[in-house]
Amino acid sequence: MTTWLTTTEAAERLGVSPKTVYRRISDGTLAAYRLASSGQYKIRAEDLEHQIEPVSKED
């Protein structure tokens, strides 16, 4: 089952502002789907995984 998030929820999970989420949607680095009825963006939770990068441990 797909979990859908609002831009605010996606921002909270990523630790960024909603404005950053909108910018990533606009530049194509974050996939989003727009509801025809309201114009609101919805983001699949699994698409956020592409936005999270592992941090390497420095010696």
C-alpha atoms as a PDB file:
ATOM      1  CA  MET A   1       0.000   0.000   0.000  1.00  0.00           C
ATOM      2  CA  THR A   2       1.334   3.417  -0.942  1.00  0.00           C
ATOM      3  CA  THR A   3       1.725   6.047   1.746  1.00  0.00           C
ATOM      4  CA  TRP A   4       1.048   9.561   0.464  1.00  0.00           C
ATOM      5  CA  LEU A   5       2.438  12.658   2.165  1.00  0.00           C
ATOM      6  CA  THR A   6       1.673  16.349   1.934  1.00  0.00           C
ATOM      7  CA  THR A   7       4.502  18.773   1.225  1.00  0.00           C
ATOM      8  CA  THR A   8       4.552  19.712   4.918  1.00  0.00           C
ATOM      9  CA  GLU A   9       4.832  16.074   5.997  1.00  0.00           C
ATOM     10  CA  ALA A  10       7.587  15.452   3.439  1.00  0.00           C
ATOM     11  CA  ALA A  11       9.474  18.520   4.692  1.00  0.00           C
ATOM     12  CA  GLU A  12       9.246  17.278   8.276  1.00  0.00           C
ATOM     13  CA  ARG A  13      10.592  13.849   7.328  1.00  0.00           C
ATOM     14  CA  LEU A  14      13.465  15.371   5.357  1.00  0.00           C
ATOM     15  CA  GLY A  15      14.247  18.010   7.973  1.00  0.00           C
ATOM     16  CA  VAL A  16      13.836  20.860   5.489  1.00  0.00           C
ATOM     17  CA  SER A  17      11.321  23.641   4.953  1.00  0.00           C
ATOM     18  CA  PRO A  18       8.204  23.190   2.808  1.00  0.00           C
ATOM     19  CA  LYS A  19       9.719  25.808   0.468  1.00  0.00           C
ATOM     20  CA  THR A  20      12.670  23.466  -0.125  1.00  0.00           C
ATOM     21  CA  VAL A  21      10.255  20.633  -0.936  1.00  0.00           C
ATOM     22  CA  TYR A  22       8.481  22.865  -3.500  1.00  0.00           C
ATOM     23  CA  ARG A  23      11.852  23.815  -5.004  1.00  0.00           C
ATOM     24  CA  ARG A  24      12.840  20.151  -5.347  1.00  0.00           C
ATOM     25  CA  ILE A  25       9.498  19.398  -6.997  1.00  0.00           C
ATOM     26  CA  SER A  26      10.001  22.305  -9.413  1.00  0.00           C
ATOM     27  CA  ASP A  27      13.544  21.313 -10.371  1.00  0.00           C
ATOM     28  CA  GLY A  28      12.548  17.655 -10.787  1.00  0.00           C
ATOM     29  CA  THR A  29      14.653  16.183  -7.985  1.00  0.00           C
ATOM     30  CA  LEU A  30      11.547  15.096  -6.032  1.00  0.00           C
ATOM     31  CA  ALA A  31       8.654  13.323  -7.709  1.00  0.00           C
ATOM     32  CA  ALA A  32       5.214  14.628  -6.783  1.00  0.00           C
ATOM     33  CA  TYR A  33       1.670  14.251  -8.017  1.00  0.00           C
ATOM     34  CA  ARG A  34      -0.840  17.080  -8.142  1.00  0.00           C
ATOM     35  CA  LEU A  35      -4.479  16.498  -7.254  1.00  0.00           C
ATOM     36  CA  ALA A  36      -6.694  17.864 -10.004  1.00  0.00           C
ATOM     37  CA  SER A  37      -9.470  18.802  -7.608  1.00  0.00           C
ATOM     38  CA  SER A  38      -7.409  20.913  -5.209  1.00  0.00           C
ATOM     39  CA  GLY A  39      -4.053  21.479  -6.896  1.00  0.00           C
ATOM     40  CA  GLN A  40      -2.349  20.115  -3.773  1.00  0.00           C
ATOM     41  CA  TYR A  41       0.844  18.106  -4.218  1.00  0.00           C
ATOM     42  CA  LYS A  42       1.118  14.577  -2.862  1.00  0.00           C
ATOM     43  CA  ILE A  43       4.424  12.760  -2.495  1.00  0.00           C
ATOM     44  CA  ARG A  44       4.935   9.024  -2.141  1.00  0.00           C
ATOM     45  CA  ALA A  45       6.840   8.186   1.039  1.00  0.00           C
ATOM     46  CA  GLU A  46       9.141   5.822  -0.858  1.00  0.00           C
ATOM     47  CA  ASP A  47      10.195   8.678  -3.177  1.00  0.00           C
ATOM     48  CA  LEU A  48      11.720  10.445  -0.174  1.00  0.00           C
ATOM     49  CA  GLU A  49      14.276   7.633   0.137  1.00  0.00           C
ATOM     50  CA  HIS A  50      16.019   9.060  -2.944  1.00  0.00           C
ATOM     51  CA  GLN A  51      16.476  12.342  -1.088  1.00  0.00           C
ATOM     52  CA  ILE A  52      18.299  10.765   1.849  1.00  0.00           C
ATOM     53  CA  GLU A  53      21.991  10.003   1.446  1.00  0.00           C
ATOM     54  CA  PRO A  54      24.159   7.991   3.820  1.00  0.00           C
ATOM     55  CA  VAL A  55      26.879   9.864   5.637  1.00  0.00           C
ATOM     56  CA  SER A  56      30.299   8.239   5.618  1.00  0.00           C
ATOM     57  CA  LYS A  57      32.183   8.027   8.857  1.00  0.00           C
ATOM     58  CA  GLU A  58      35.371  10.071   8.811  1.00  0.00           C
ATOM     59  CA  ASP A  59      38.491   8.663  10.470  1.00  0.00           C
END
